[in-house]
Protein backbone atom coordinates (compact mmCIF):
# COMPACT_ATOMS: atom_id res chain seq x y z
CA MET A 1 170.65 140.33 109.45
CA ARG A 2 173.17 143.20 108.98
CA ILE A 3 173.86 143.49 104.97
CA LEU A 4 176.08 146.27 103.07
CA VAL A 5 174.82 147.07 99.46
CA THR A 6 177.76 149.05 97.85
CA GLY A 7 176.21 151.59 95.29
CA GLY A 8 173.00 152.23 96.46
CA CYS A 9 172.31 155.64 95.57
CA GLY A 10 172.95 154.67 92.49
CA PHE A 11 169.52 153.53 90.42
CA ILE A 12 169.06 149.80 91.20
CA GLY A 13 170.86 150.52 94.48
CA SER A 14 167.96 152.61 95.44
CA HIS A 15 165.61 150.44 94.38
CA TYR A 16 166.99 147.50 95.97
CA ILE A 17 167.54 149.10 99.54
CA ARG A 18 163.60 150.68 99.53
CA LYS A 19 162.26 147.22 99.21
CA HIS A 20 164.29 145.14 101.25
CA LEU A 21 163.41 148.17 104.11
CA GLN A 22 160.06 147.50 103.45
CA THR A 23 159.95 143.93 103.20
CA HIS A 24 162.45 143.07 105.52
CA SER A 25 162.02 145.35 108.78
CA ASP A 26 164.82 143.67 111.11
CA ASP A 27 167.25 143.57 108.33
CA GLN A 28 169.99 146.44 109.09
CA ILE A 29 171.45 147.72 105.84
CA VAL A 30 174.50 149.24 105.50
CA ASN A 31 174.71 151.60 102.30
CA LEU A 32 178.49 152.61 101.06
CA ASP A 33 178.55 154.88 97.56
CA ALA A 34 180.64 157.22 96.42
CA LEU A 35 178.00 159.69 95.34
CA THR A 36 179.91 159.92 91.81
CA TYR A 37 177.71 161.74 89.51
CA ALA A 38 175.05 159.30 88.84
CA GLY A 39 174.28 158.28 92.58
CA ARG A 40 172.22 160.28 94.82
CA LYS A 41 171.19 160.88 97.75
CA GLU A 42 167.60 162.23 96.92
CA ASN A 43 167.54 158.82 95.74
CA LEU A 44 167.38 157.23 99.15
CA LEU A 45 165.17 160.71 100.91
CA ASP A 46 162.93 158.66 102.19
CA VAL A 47 164.73 156.20 103.91
CA GLU A 48 166.96 158.53 105.52
CA ASN A 49 165.30 158.18 108.86
CA ASN A 50 164.86 155.20 109.28
CA SER A 51 166.72 153.72 111.95
CA HIS A 52 167.95 150.48 110.31
CA TYR A 53 169.48 152.71 107.49
CA THR A 54 172.99 153.68 108.12
CA PHE A 55 174.70 155.49 104.89
CA ILE A 56 178.84 155.25 104.87
CA HIS A 57 180.07 158.24 101.89
CA GLY A 58 183.12 156.22 100.72
CA ASN A 59 184.86 154.06 97.37
CA ILE A 60 184.69 150.65 97.57
CA CYS A 61 188.57 150.90 96.36
CA ASP A 62 189.71 152.45 99.80
CA PRO A 63 190.79 149.36 102.03
CA ASN A 64 190.14 151.32 104.72
CA MET A 65 186.75 152.35 104.29
CA VAL A 66 185.31 148.98 102.78
CA LYS A 67 186.66 147.21 106.13
CA LYS A 68 184.87 150.26 108.19
CA ALA A 69 181.89 150.18 106.33
CA MET A 70 181.59 145.84 106.24
CA GLY A 71 182.20 145.46 109.68
CA GLY A 72 179.85 143.24 111.21
CA CYS A 73 177.80 143.01 108.13
CA ASP A 74 176.39 139.28 107.38
CA GLN A 75 175.77 139.58 103.70
CA VAL A 76 177.59 141.77 100.59
CA VAL A 77 175.21 142.73 97.49
CA HIS A 78 177.57 144.77 95.66
CA PHE A 79 176.15 147.37 92.82
CA ALA A 80 178.93 149.60 92.77
CA ALA A 81 179.49 150.45 89.78
CA GLU A 82 180.71 152.97 86.59
CA THR A 83 178.10 151.69 83.69
CA GLN A 84 177.85 154.28 81.25
CA VAL A 85 178.93 152.54 77.72
CA ASP A 86 179.70 155.72 76.27
CA LYS A 87 182.38 157.03 79.14
CA GLY A 88 184.21 153.32 79.17
CA ILE A 89 185.09 154.13 74.99
CA GLU A 90 185.83 157.73 75.67
CA ASP A 91 188.67 156.67 79.47
CA PRO A 92 188.75 152.90 80.00
CA SER A 93 190.70 153.27 83.05
CA ILE A 94 188.00 153.92 85.96
CA PHE A 95 185.94 151.61 85.07
CA LEU A 96 188.96 148.98 85.26
CA LYS A 97 189.64 150.55 88.28
CA THR A 98 185.92 150.54 89.59
CA ASN A 99 184.31 147.44 88.12
CA VAL A 100 187.68 145.27 88.99
CA MET A 101 189.52 146.25 91.80
CA GLY A 102 187.11 148.58 93.89
CA THR A 103 185.69 144.27 93.29
CA TYR A 104 188.38 142.62 94.70
CA THR A 105 188.89 145.08 97.51
CA LEU A 106 185.70 144.51 98.55
CA LEU A 107 186.14 140.60 98.22
CA GLU A 108 189.59 140.84 100.04
CA GLU A 109 187.35 142.05 102.64
CA ALA A 110 184.73 139.63 102.47
CA ARG A 111 186.96 137.07 103.05
CA LYS A 112 188.79 138.49 105.72
CA GLN A 113 185.99 138.75 108.17
CA ASN A 114 183.46 135.64 106.68
CA ILE A 115 181.40 136.93 105.55
CA GLN A 116 178.14 134.94 104.42
CA LYS A 117 176.99 135.58 101.66
CA PHE A 118 178.63 137.95 98.59
CA ILE A 119 176.62 139.14 95.58
CA THR A 120 177.39 140.78 92.46
CA ILE A 121 175.60 142.37 90.29
CA SER A 122 176.74 142.14 86.46
CA THR A 123 174.85 142.29 82.70
CA ASP A 124 174.46 140.65 79.85
CA GLU A 125 176.68 142.88 78.33
CA VAL A 126 179.23 140.81 78.90
CA TYR A 127 177.63 137.63 76.61
CA GLY A 128 178.14 140.20 74.03
CA HIS A 129 176.08 140.07 71.52
CA ILE A 130 173.31 137.28 69.46
CA LEU A 131 171.56 137.91 66.76
CA GLU A 132 169.62 134.60 67.33
CA GLY A 133 168.56 132.65 69.93
CA SER A 134 168.70 133.32 73.96
CA PHE A 135 172.46 133.49 76.23
CA THR A 136 172.27 131.29 79.14
CA GLU A 137 174.71 130.78 81.89
CA LYS A 138 176.80 128.78 79.76
CA SER A 139 177.02 131.05 77.05
CA LEU A 140 180.74 132.35 76.10
CA LEU A 141 181.23 135.36 77.25
CA ASN A 142 182.51 137.65 74.71
CA PRO A 143 182.56 141.45 75.62
CA ARG A 144 182.51 143.98 73.04
CA ASN A 145 184.03 147.49 74.87
CA PRO A 146 185.81 147.80 78.11
CA TYR A 147 182.29 148.59 80.58
CA ALA A 148 181.28 145.03 79.58
CA ALA A 149 185.14 143.90 79.75
CA SER A 150 185.70 145.00 83.24
CA LYS A 151 182.86 143.51 84.25
CA VAL A 152 183.71 140.56 83.13
CA GLY A 153 186.76 140.52 85.01
CA GLY A 154 185.04 141.51 88.23
CA GLU A 155 182.69 139.61 88.23
CA ARG A 156 185.37 136.33 87.37
CA LEU A 157 187.43 137.00 89.86
CA ALA A 158 184.21 137.01 92.48
CA TYR A 159 183.86 133.31 91.06
CA SER A 160 187.68 132.99 91.94
CA TYR A 161 187.00 133.64 95.44
CA SER A 162 184.26 130.51 95.69
CA GLN A 163 186.98 128.52 93.86
CA THR A 164 189.81 129.56 95.82
CA TYR A 165 188.47 130.96 99.59
CA GLY A 166 185.31 129.33 99.42
CA LEU A 167 183.07 132.25 99.54
CA ASP A 168 179.76 131.89 98.86
CA VAL A 169 179.90 134.07 96.08
CA SER A 170 176.28 134.01 93.60
CA ILE A 171 176.76 136.18 90.44
CA THR A 172 173.45 137.89 88.53
CA ARG A 173 173.70 138.78 84.96
CA CYS A 174 170.76 141.58 84.50
CA SER A 175 169.09 142.92 80.83
CA ASN A 176 168.38 146.74 80.14
CA ASN A 177 166.49 148.70 83.76
CA TYR A 178 164.19 150.87 83.21
CA GLY A 179 162.38 152.89 85.96
CA PRO A 180 161.96 155.79 88.39
CA TYR A 181 165.28 157.23 89.55
CA GLN A 182 167.28 156.29 86.42
CA TYR A 183 169.75 159.09 85.56
CA PRO A 184 170.09 160.31 82.47
CA ASP A 185 172.47 158.53 80.81
CA LYS A 186 170.33 155.61 79.72
CA VAL A 187 167.96 155.58 76.60
CA ILE A 188 164.55 155.56 78.21
CA PRO A 189 165.41 158.52 80.74
CA VAL A 190 167.68 160.42 77.98
CA PHE A 191 164.63 160.32 75.64
CA LEU A 192 161.84 161.47 78.79
CA ILE A 193 164.15 164.31 80.35
CA ARG A 194 164.99 165.59 76.52
CA LEU A 195 161.50 164.97 75.25
CA LEU A 196 159.61 167.27 78.53
CA SER A 197 162.57 169.17 77.61
CA GLY A 198 160.98 170.34 74.33
CA LYS A 199 164.54 168.91 72.78
CA LYS A 200 165.09 166.25 69.79
CA VAL A 201 166.31 162.80 70.92
CA PRO A 202 169.52 161.10 69.27
CA LEU A 203 168.75 157.30 67.63
CA TYR A 204 172.13 155.57 67.26
CA GLY A 205 172.65 153.92 63.45
CA ASP A 206 169.87 152.39 62.18
CA GLY A 207 167.52 152.03 65.50
CA LEU A 208 167.43 148.45 64.47
CA HIS A 209 169.48 147.44 67.58
CA VAL A 210 167.36 145.43 70.10
CA ARG A 211 167.32 145.43 73.92
CA ASP A 212 165.54 143.17 76.56
CA TRP A 213 163.67 145.45 78.56
CA LEU A 214 163.70 144.43 82.76
CA TYR A 215 161.90 146.67 84.74
CA VAL A 216 163.74 147.64 88.21
CA GLU A 217 161.34 146.26 90.49
CA ASP A 218 160.95 142.83 89.27
CA HIS A 219 164.85 143.01 88.71
CA CYS A 220 165.80 143.10 92.43
CA ALA A 221 162.78 140.95 93.38
CA GLY A 222 165.09 138.52 91.09
CA ILE A 223 168.59 139.76 93.28
CA GLU A 224 166.78 139.03 96.76
CA ARG A 225 165.76 135.11 95.84
CA VAL A 226 169.65 134.99 94.33
CA ARG A 227 170.12 136.43 98.02
CA GLU A 228 168.42 134.20 99.82
CA ARG A 229 168.72 131.28 97.97
CA GLY A 230 171.29 131.34 95.52
CA LYS A 231 173.92 128.61 95.26
CA LYS A 232 177.82 129.13 95.95
CA GLY A 233 180.03 130.55 92.61
CA GLU A 234 176.62 129.99 90.24
CA VAL A 235 175.20 132.32 88.10
CA TYR A 236 171.71 133.65 87.50
CA ASN A 237 170.90 135.23 83.99
CA ILE A 238 167.47 138.02 85.15
CA GLY A 239 165.50 139.04 82.27
CA GLY A 240 162.09 141.08 81.50
CA GLY A 241 160.78 138.83 79.22
CA THR A 242 160.59 142.21 76.36
CA GLU A 243 162.52 142.80 73.55
CA MET A 244 162.02 145.52 71.05
CA THR A 245 164.49 147.83 68.94
CA ASN A 246 165.59 151.47 69.85
CA LEU A 247 163.34 152.15 67.36
CA GLU A 248 160.34 151.23 68.74
CA LEU A 249 161.14 151.85 71.75
CA THR A 250 161.25 155.31 70.52
CA LYS A 251 158.30 155.55 68.56
CA THR A 252 156.37 154.51 72.00
CA LEU A 253 158.54 157.03 73.58
CA LEU A 254 157.34 159.51 71.38
CA ALA A 255 153.89 158.23 71.59
CA ALA A 256 153.08 158.45 75.10
CA VAL A 257 154.29 162.09 75.37
CA GLY A 258 152.46 163.39 72.19
CA LYS A 259 155.04 164.24 69.88
CA THR A 260 156.49 162.97 66.23
CA GLU A 261 159.13 161.34 64.66
CA ASN A 262 159.99 164.24 63.70
CA GLU A 263 161.44 164.48 66.74
CA ILE A 264 163.91 161.75 66.45
CA GLU A 265 167.83 163.12 65.36
CA TRP A 266 169.30 160.31 63.69
CA VAL A 267 173.32 160.23 65.08
CA GLU A 268 176.12 157.85 64.31
CA ASP A 269 176.14 154.95 65.92
CA ARG A 270 178.71 153.97 68.77
CA PRO A 271 181.50 151.93 68.43
CA GLY A 272 181.51 148.16 69.47
CA HIS A 273 177.34 148.74 69.68
CA ASP A 274 176.06 145.54 70.04
CA ARG A 275 173.29 144.18 68.33
CA ARG A 276 170.95 142.38 70.10
CA TYR A 277 170.62 141.43 73.79
CA SER A 278 168.68 138.01 74.58
CA LEU A 279 168.45 136.46 78.34
CA ASP A 280 167.16 132.93 79.03
CA ILE A 281 165.67 132.83 82.53
CA THR A 282 165.12 129.26 82.76
CA LYS A 283 167.55 128.36 85.18
CA ILE A 284 166.78 130.98 87.72
CA ALA A 285 162.36 130.77 87.07
CA ASN A 286 163.50 126.98 87.58
CA GLU A 287 165.72 126.80 90.47
CA LEU A 288 164.68 129.79 92.10
CA GLY A 289 161.06 130.31 90.87
CA TYR A 290 161.48 133.64 89.51
CA LYS A 291 159.60 135.81 86.55
CA PRO A 292 158.76 139.22 85.46
CA HIS A 293 156.01 140.62 87.45
CA TYR A 294 155.79 144.33 85.72
CA PRO A 295 154.57 143.65 81.99
CA PHE A 296 156.17 146.29 79.79
CA LYS A 297 153.51 148.91 78.69
CA GLU A 298 152.55 148.62 82.74
CA GLY A 299 156.12 148.95 83.63
CA LEU A 300 157.08 151.91 81.28
CA ALA A 301 153.35 153.80 81.88
CA TYR A 302 154.46 154.48 85.13
CA THR A 303 157.52 155.13 84.35
CA ILE A 304 157.02 157.86 82.15
CA GLU A 305 154.28 159.00 84.67
CA TRP A 306 157.22 159.04 87.70
CA TYR A 307 159.57 161.17 85.98
CA LYS A 308 156.90 163.51 84.51
CA LYS A 309 155.63 164.23 88.32
CA ASN A 310 159.05 164.81 89.38
CA GLU A 311 160.82 167.51 87.34
CA GLY A 312 162.94 168.62 90.97
CA TRP A 313 164.33 165.64 90.87
CA TRP A 314 166.35 165.46 86.64
CA MET A 315 165.56 169.65 86.36
CA PRO A 316 168.67 170.20 88.23
CA LEU A 317 170.48 167.48 85.66
CA LEU A 318 169.85 169.50 82.65
CA ASN A 319 173.28 171.64 83.85
CA GLU A 320 175.51 169.23 84.55
CA LYS A 321 177.80 168.10 81.67
CA ALA A 322 175.83 164.75 80.97
CA SER A 323 175.53 162.62 77.73
CA PHE A 324 172.14 162.93 76.99
CA ALA A 325 172.92 167.38 76.94
CA THR A 326 176.38 167.28 74.57
CA ASN A 327 177.97 165.04 72.76
CA TRP A 328 176.14 163.41 69.91
CA LYS A 329 177.52 163.08 66.29
CA LYS A 330 174.20 163.89 63.70
CA VAL A 331 174.70 161.79 60.59
CA GLN A 332 174.97 164.03 58.07
């Protein structure tokens, strides 16, 4: 089996590649990544010399590059995306280009090359927020920020290719991921790196926004279930089953590194900030036998320890103009 993975140098994609090569030693992985700010070759140093792994530096919006990368492949697992919500609010155009037109470029080439299976990785943010209960795969899509809207566009385009052209497409929607190698434009690595660097942590609004947390290895396991047995045209929610407020999460991180709540810096809430996400994973559990393996406490402890031991990975990022370093507006 030869699989094209897009965005494989990113957080989730790199975990997926590493795990797949460990468990499917006869497969070939081709990694197409543009190496934008969050895509780092350092995430895959341990596999770069593996004879079953090929890296191609290129953009999914480039038809010629996509044709080259997809040549000879049997399946596609599509991670590549712009994902940082705040950046999407500042400038939605790059999100539309990558998440919609980039997905279109991949789908068109997959159709031409008769790809056997195409998995597109989406997000629970396409549903908007829910104050009570949980979203199922049949829930209304109601994105409330440009990033989420662009993901709706890409995944619905993928679905249309399954219905119009017969391409075997499956779609996954995941809850908030966490784990090692996560670029600090997401809350857990942002807060950990700031605390380990002696800085305060910026907490949006009242801190009572609720998220469901999914360890990255569990997410990858769910994707594999869908790749191997998912049905054409179907959507599968992949959740972690651990909901907590951002304030509860912050207090947990503070305690883990020996800090107090004095390190919290309350900042202005972001526009269109979804209040609560919650996924019902009954479908993937019943149909594909998926369930999260890592309890949140265990996964978080491993994640914290990794960031403590790998300053060499994140220290260079402190000099970049990343969201964890600048642009927070204090609440007056």
